[in-house]
Amino acid sequence: MKRYILLLLLFIITLLISSFSLRYNNQLEFMGGFAEEYYDIGLHLFQKGTLGLDYGYPSTSVFRPPGYAFFIGGVLKIWGKITHNDNALQQNINDIDPNVEFKSFKAIYFAQALLLSLSTIVLYIWLSTYISLSNAFIISFLFGCNPYMIIITGLLHYDILHIFLILISTLPYLYN
């Protein structure tokens, strides 16, 4: 029972801290040319249902692995793209109102905050099989409240997704 209470406490604390950071800090932005293509590819995936290369960038641009673009497309599919008219799916990616985009980014940032909280739980489960519950809680808490990780939740960046996938991929080895 104590383990489940600690799991819930970790999830809530990490989610609250990262959500508070998303709400009151100014890191909600692009990374200066680093991740704009991921959003555009994810938006193209959401709008057209394909992972095509006709999303508005020249053919000489760097190829981006599709994992984070699928994540963005999935978040937009689940929470919906915030639109300002009924024909938003028919418009060009470059013609979308920036305020609408910012609200869509917040959905992605919140999904990344959920992934950080889930990563904290997975890390706790993984550590609690090898060390005491209190030490596992402290280490997982420090991971979830790491300022770098919290700041990354407010950026269009793939680190949170990759960390979550790496941690979740280790769980089958615990139960073999």
C-alpha atoms as a PDB file:
ATOM      1  CA  MET A   1       0.000   0.000   0.000  1.00  0.00           C
ATOM      2  CA  LYS A   2       2.851   2.368   0.845  1.00  0.00           C
ATOM      3  CA  ARG A   3       4.330   1.815  -2.609  1.00  0.00           C
ATOM      4  CA  TYR A   4       1.102   2.887  -4.349  1.00  0.00           C
ATOM      5  CA  ILE A   5       0.778   5.996  -2.205  1.00  0.00           C
ATOM      6  CA  LEU A   6       4.343   6.960  -3.076  1.00  0.00           C
ATOM      7  CA  LEU A   7       3.620   6.342  -6.773  1.00  0.00           C
ATOM      8  CA  LEU A   8       0.580   8.584  -6.700  1.00  0.00           C
ATOM      9  CA  LEU A   9       2.438  11.235  -4.726  1.00  0.00           C
ATOM     10  CA  LEU A  10       5.319  11.219  -7.211  1.00  0.00           C
ATOM     11  CA  PHE A  11       2.953  11.526 -10.154  1.00  0.00           C
ATOM     12  CA  ILE A  12       0.986  14.410  -8.659  1.00  0.00           C
ATOM     13  CA  ILE A  13       4.043  16.341  -7.446  1.00  0.00           C
ATOM     14  CA  THR A  14       5.873  16.049 -10.758  1.00  0.00           C
ATOM     15  CA  LEU A  15       2.789  16.946 -12.772  1.00  0.00           C
ATOM     16  CA  LEU A  16       2.010  19.945 -10.558  1.00  0.00           C
ATOM     17  CA  ILE A  17       5.564  21.279 -10.650  1.00  0.00           C
ATOM     18  CA  SER A  18       5.915  20.910 -14.402  1.00  0.00           C
ATOM     19  CA  SER A  19       2.412  22.339 -15.000  1.00  0.00           C
ATOM     20  CA  PHE A  20       3.200  25.276 -12.722  1.00  0.00           C
ATOM     21  CA  SER A  21       6.373  25.845 -14.696  1.00  0.00           C
ATOM     22  CA  LEU A  22       4.461  25.723 -17.976  1.00  0.00           C
ATOM     23  CA  ARG A  23       1.942  28.212 -16.664  1.00  0.00           C
ATOM     24  CA  TYR A  24       4.231  30.826 -15.159  1.00  0.00           C
ATOM     25  CA  ASN A  25       7.546  30.624 -16.981  1.00  0.00           C
ATOM     26  CA  ASN A  26       8.533  31.950 -20.382  1.00  0.00           C
ATOM     27  CA  GLN A  27      10.125  28.846 -21.843  1.00  0.00           C
ATOM     28  CA  LEU A  28       7.054  28.167 -24.007  1.00  0.00           C
ATOM     29  CA  GLU A  29       8.641  28.687 -27.373  1.00  0.00           C
ATOM     30  CA  PHE A  30      10.461  27.062 -30.213  1.00  0.00           C
ATOM     31  CA  MET A  31      14.127  26.298 -29.885  1.00  0.00           C
ATOM     32  CA  GLY A  32      15.372  28.788 -32.469  1.00  0.00           C
ATOM     33  CA  GLY A  33      15.004  26.646 -35.585  1.00  0.00           C
ATOM     34  CA  PHE A  34      15.659  23.321 -33.879  1.00  0.00           C
ATOM     35  CA  ALA A  35      12.202  21.829 -33.573  1.00  0.00           C
ATOM     36  CA  GLU A  36       9.903  23.743 -35.901  1.00  0.00           C
ATOM     37  CA  GLU A  37      10.055  20.991 -38.488  1.00  0.00           C
ATOM     38  CA  TYR A  38       8.874  18.421 -35.949  1.00  0.00           C
ATOM     39  CA  TYR A  39       5.742  20.437 -35.290  1.00  0.00           C
ATOM     40  CA  ASP A  40       5.107  21.015 -38.985  1.00  0.00           C
ATOM     41  CA  ILE A  41       5.555  17.319 -39.760  1.00  0.00           C
ATOM     42  CA  GLY A  42       3.240  16.411 -36.848  1.00  0.00           C
ATOM     43  CA  LEU A  43       0.688  18.975 -38.000  1.00  0.00           C
ATOM     44  CA  HIS A  44       0.876  17.578 -41.554  1.00  0.00           C
ATOM     45  CA  LEU A  45       0.353  14.107 -40.105  1.00  0.00           C
ATOM     46  CA  PHE A  46      -2.658  15.384 -38.152  1.00  0.00           C
ATOM     47  CA  GLN A  47      -4.159  17.254 -41.106  1.00  0.00           C
ATOM     48  CA  LYS A  48      -3.508  14.858 -43.980  1.00  0.00           C
ATOM     49  CA  GLY A  49      -2.867  11.557 -42.231  1.00  0.00           C
ATOM     50  CA  THR A  50       0.418  10.966 -44.023  1.00  0.00           C
ATOM     51  CA  LEU A  51       4.040  11.449 -43.165  1.00  0.00           C
ATOM     52  CA  GLY A  52       4.885  13.156 -46.424  1.00  0.00           C
ATOM     53  CA  LEU A  53       7.717  15.472 -47.289  1.00  0.00           C
ATOM     54  CA  ASP A  54       5.477  18.226 -48.641  1.00  0.00           C
ATOM     55  CA  TYR A  55       5.112  20.098 -45.370  1.00  0.00           C
ATOM     56  CA  GLY A  56       6.563  23.409 -46.508  1.00  0.00           C
ATOM     57  CA  TYR A  57      10.315  22.974 -46.195  1.00  0.00           C
ATOM     58  CA  PRO A  58      12.771  22.670 -49.077  1.00  0.00           C
ATOM     59  CA  SER A  59      13.893  19.192 -50.022  1.00  0.00           C
ATOM     60  CA  THR A  60      17.406  20.013 -48.826  1.00  0.00           C
ATOM     61  CA  SER A  61      16.277  20.221 -45.192  1.00  0.00           C
ATOM     62  CA  VAL A  62      17.483  17.656 -42.706  1.00  0.00           C
ATOM     63  CA  PHE A  63      15.446  14.476 -42.422  1.00  0.00           C
ATOM     64  CA  ARG A  64      13.750  14.196 -39.051  1.00  0.00           C
ATOM     65  CA  PRO A  65      13.029  10.791 -37.515  1.00  0.00           C
ATOM     66  CA  PRO A  66       9.256  10.357 -37.328  1.00  0.00           C
ATOM     67  CA  GLY A  67       8.872   9.361 -33.643  1.00  0.00           C
ATOM     68  CA  TYR A  68       8.382  12.829 -32.192  1.00  0.00           C
ATOM     69  CA  ALA A  69       6.290  13.896 -35.181  1.00  0.00           C
ATOM     70  CA  PHE A  70       3.975  10.932 -34.516  1.00  0.00           C
ATOM     71  CA  PHE A  71       3.787  12.015 -30.867  1.00  0.00           C
ATOM     72  CA  ILE A  72       2.814  15.570 -31.877  1.00  0.00           C
ATOM     73  CA  GLY A  73       0.293  14.268 -34.414  1.00  0.00           C
ATOM     74  CA  GLY A  74      -1.163  11.939 -31.782  1.00  0.00           C
ATOM     75  CA  VAL A  75      -1.493  14.710 -29.209  1.00  0.00           C
ATOM     76  CA  LEU A  76      -3.229  16.919 -31.759  1.00  0.00           C
ATOM     77  CA  LYS A  77      -5.485  13.993 -32.693  1.00  0.00           C
ATOM     78  CA  ILE A  78      -6.421  13.251 -29.068  1.00  0.00           C
ATOM     79  CA  TRP A  79      -6.784  16.765 -27.670  1.00  0.00           C
ATOM     80  CA  GLY A  80      -7.602  18.284 -31.007  1.00  0.00           C
ATOM     81  CA  LYS A  81      -5.982  21.101 -32.847  1.00  0.00           C
ATOM     82  CA  ILE A  82      -7.321  24.372 -31.539  1.00  0.00           C
ATOM     83  CA  THR A  83      -8.739  26.098 -34.579  1.00  0.00           C
ATOM     84  CA  HIS A  84     -10.260  29.475 -35.233  1.00  0.00           C
ATOM     85  CA  ASN A  85     -12.510  28.456 -38.135  1.00  0.00           C
ATOM     86  CA  ASP A  86     -14.208  25.360 -39.485  1.00  0.00           C
ATOM     87  CA  ASN A  87     -11.958  25.030 -42.524  1.00  0.00           C
ATOM     88  CA  ALA A  88      -8.704  24.795 -40.577  1.00  0.00           C
ATOM     89  CA  LEU A  89      -7.921  21.360 -41.946  1.00  0.00           C
ATOM     90  CA  GLN A  90      -8.040  22.735 -45.484  1.00  0.00           C
ATOM     91  CA  GLN A  91      -5.704  25.666 -44.951  1.00  0.00           C
ATOM     92  CA  ASN A  92      -2.019  25.860 -45.621  1.00  0.00           C
ATOM     93  CA  ILE A  93       0.244  25.200 -42.644  1.00  0.00           C
ATOM     94  CA  ASN A  94       1.830  28.634 -43.037  1.00  0.00           C
ATOM     95  CA  ASP A  95      -1.546  30.455 -42.923  1.00  0.00           C
ATOM     96  CA  ILE A  96      -2.562  29.411 -39.408  1.00  0.00           C
ATOM     97  CA  ASP A  97      -2.983  32.107 -36.767  1.00  0.00           C
ATOM     98  CA  PRO A  98       0.013  32.135 -34.339  1.00  0.00           C
ATOM     99  CA  ASN A  99      -2.297  32.466 -31.310  1.00  0.00           C
ATOM    100  CA  VAL A 100      -4.053  29.282 -32.360  1.00  0.00           C
ATOM    101  CA  GLU A 101      -0.667  27.586 -32.686  1.00  0.00           C
ATOM    102  CA  PHE A 102       0.333  28.684 -29.179  1.00  0.00           C
ATOM    103  CA  LYS A 103      -2.761  27.033 -27.699  1.00  0.00           C
ATOM    104  CA  SER A 104      -1.983  23.847 -29.613  1.00  0.00           C
ATOM    105  CA  PHE A 105       1.571  23.976 -28.285  1.00  0.00           C
ATOM    106  CA  LYS A 106       0.217  24.089 -24.736  1.00  0.00           C
ATOM    107  CA  ALA A 107      -1.549  20.761 -25.371  1.00  0.00           C
ATOM    108  CA  ILE A 108       1.775  19.292 -26.516  1.00  0.00           C
ATOM    109  CA  TYR A 109       3.578  20.777 -23.519  1.00  0.00           C
ATOM    110  CA  PHE A 110       0.995  19.332 -21.135  1.00  0.00           C
ATOM    111  CA  ALA A 111       1.347  15.918 -22.800  1.00  0.00           C
ATOM    112  CA  GLN A 112       5.096  16.205 -22.268  1.00  0.00           C
ATOM    113  CA  ALA A 113       4.474  17.055 -18.604  1.00  0.00           C
ATOM    114  CA  LEU A 114       2.364  13.876 -18.364  1.00  0.00           C
ATOM    115  CA  LEU A 115       5.212  11.903 -19.926  1.00  0.00           C
ATOM    116  CA  LEU A 116       7.654  13.349 -17.389  1.00  0.00           C
ATOM    117  CA  SER A 117       5.329  12.328 -14.548  1.00  0.00           C
ATOM    118  CA  LEU A 118       4.921   8.847 -16.009  1.00  0.00           C
ATOM    119  CA  SER A 119       8.692   8.591 -16.474  1.00  0.00           C
ATOM    120  CA  THR A 120       9.114   9.421 -12.801  1.00  0.00           C
ATOM    121  CA  ILE A 121       6.731   6.618 -11.881  1.00  0.00           C
ATOM    122  CA  VAL A 122       8.469   4.125 -14.166  1.00  0.00           C
ATOM    123  CA  LEU A 123      11.848   5.096 -12.703  1.00  0.00           C
ATOM    124  CA  TYR A 124      10.443   4.609  -9.200  1.00  0.00           C
ATOM    125  CA  ILE A 125       9.075   1.159 -10.092  1.00  0.00           C
ATOM    126  CA  TRP A 126      12.392   0.213 -11.629  1.00  0.00           C
ATOM    127  CA  LEU A 127      14.463   1.473  -8.693  1.00  0.00           C
ATOM    128  CA  SER A 128      12.182   0.089  -5.983  1.00  0.00           C
ATOM    129  CA  THR A 129      12.969  -3.452  -7.081  1.00  0.00           C
ATOM    130  CA  TYR A 130      16.665  -2.928  -6.340  1.00  0.00           C
ATOM    131  CA  ILE A 131      16.831  -0.389  -3.491  1.00  0.00           C
ATOM    132  CA  SER A 132      14.646   0.680  -0.573  1.00  0.00           C
ATOM    133  CA  LEU A 133      11.369   2.470  -1.214  1.00  0.00           C
ATOM    134  CA  SER A 134      12.536   5.665   0.457  1.00  0.00           C
ATOM    135  CA  ASN A 135      15.725   5.839  -1.621  1.00  0.00           C
ATOM    136  CA  ALA A 136      13.783   5.041  -4.800  1.00  0.00           C
ATOM    137  CA  PHE A 137      11.320   7.807  -3.943  1.00  0.00           C
ATOM    138  CA  ILE A 138      14.092  10.364  -3.346  1.00  0.00           C
ATOM    139  CA  ILE A 139      15.920   9.517  -6.566  1.00  0.00           C
ATOM    140  CA  SER A 140      12.716   9.518  -8.620  1.00  0.00           C
ATOM    141  CA  PHE A 141      11.605  12.780  -7.026  1.00  0.00           C
ATOM    142  CA  LEU A 142      14.944  14.390  -7.880  1.00  0.00           C
ATOM    143  CA  PHE A 143      14.613  13.124 -11.454  1.00  0.00           C
ATOM    144  CA  GLY A 144      11.066  14.468 -11.817  1.00  0.00           C
ATOM    145  CA  CYS A 145      11.923  17.836 -10.283  1.00  0.00           C
ATOM    146  CA  ASN A 146      15.140  18.307 -12.230  1.00  0.00           C
ATOM    147  CA  PRO A 147      14.972  21.891 -13.570  1.00  0.00           C
ATOM    148  CA  TYR A 148      16.358  20.843 -16.946  1.00  0.00           C
ATOM    149  CA  MET A 149      13.635  18.214 -17.373  1.00  0.00           C
ATOM    150  CA  ILE A 150      10.927  20.642 -16.312  1.00  0.00           C
ATOM    151  CA  ILE A 151      12.162  23.326 -18.701  1.00  0.00           C
ATOM    152  CA  ILE A 152      12.238  20.821 -21.569  1.00  0.00           C
ATOM    153  CA  THR A 153       8.543  20.068 -21.018  1.00  0.00           C
ATOM    154  CA  GLY A 154       7.877  23.640 -22.162  1.00  0.00           C
ATOM    155  CA  LEU A 155       9.815  23.292 -25.402  1.00  0.00           C
ATOM    156  CA  LEU A 156       9.071  21.436 -28.597  1.00  0.00           C
ATOM    157  CA  HIS A 157      11.822  18.960 -27.991  1.00  0.00           C
ATOM    158  CA  TYR A 158      11.952  15.181 -28.180  1.00  0.00           C
ATOM    159  CA  ASP A 159      13.994  14.464 -25.022  1.00  0.00           C
ATOM    160  CA  ILE A 160      11.019  13.775 -22.747  1.00  0.00           C
ATOM    161  CA  LEU A 161       9.541  11.287 -25.208  1.00  0.00           C
ATOM    162  CA  HIS A 162      12.856   9.477 -25.664  1.00  0.00           C
ATOM    163  CA  ILE A 163      13.494   9.246 -21.921  1.00  0.00           C
ATOM    164  CA  PHE A 164       9.992   7.894 -21.363  1.00  0.00           C
ATOM    165  CA  LEU A 165      10.393   5.284 -24.109  1.00  0.00           C
ATOM    166  CA  ILE A 166      13.786   4.188 -22.778  1.00  0.00           C
ATOM    167  CA  LEU A 167      12.450   3.829 -19.238  1.00  0.00           C
ATOM    168  CA  ILE A 168       9.293   2.012 -20.330  1.00  0.00           C
ATOM    169  CA  SER A 169      11.346  -0.370 -22.480  1.00  0.00           C
ATOM    170  CA  THR A 170      13.266  -1.536 -19.392  1.00  0.00           C
ATOM    171  CA  LEU A 171      10.143  -2.687 -17.508  1.00  0.00           C
ATOM    172  CA  PRO A 172       9.864  -6.107 -19.201  1.00  0.00           C
ATOM    173  CA  TYR A 173      13.333  -6.970 -17.892  1.00  0.00           C
ATOM    174  CA  LEU A 174      12.147  -6.470 -14.311  1.00  0.00           C
ATOM    175  CA  TYR A 175       9.494  -9.137 -14.566  1.00  0.00           C
ATOM    176  CA  ASN A 176      11.466 -11.885 -16.324  1.00  0.00           C
END
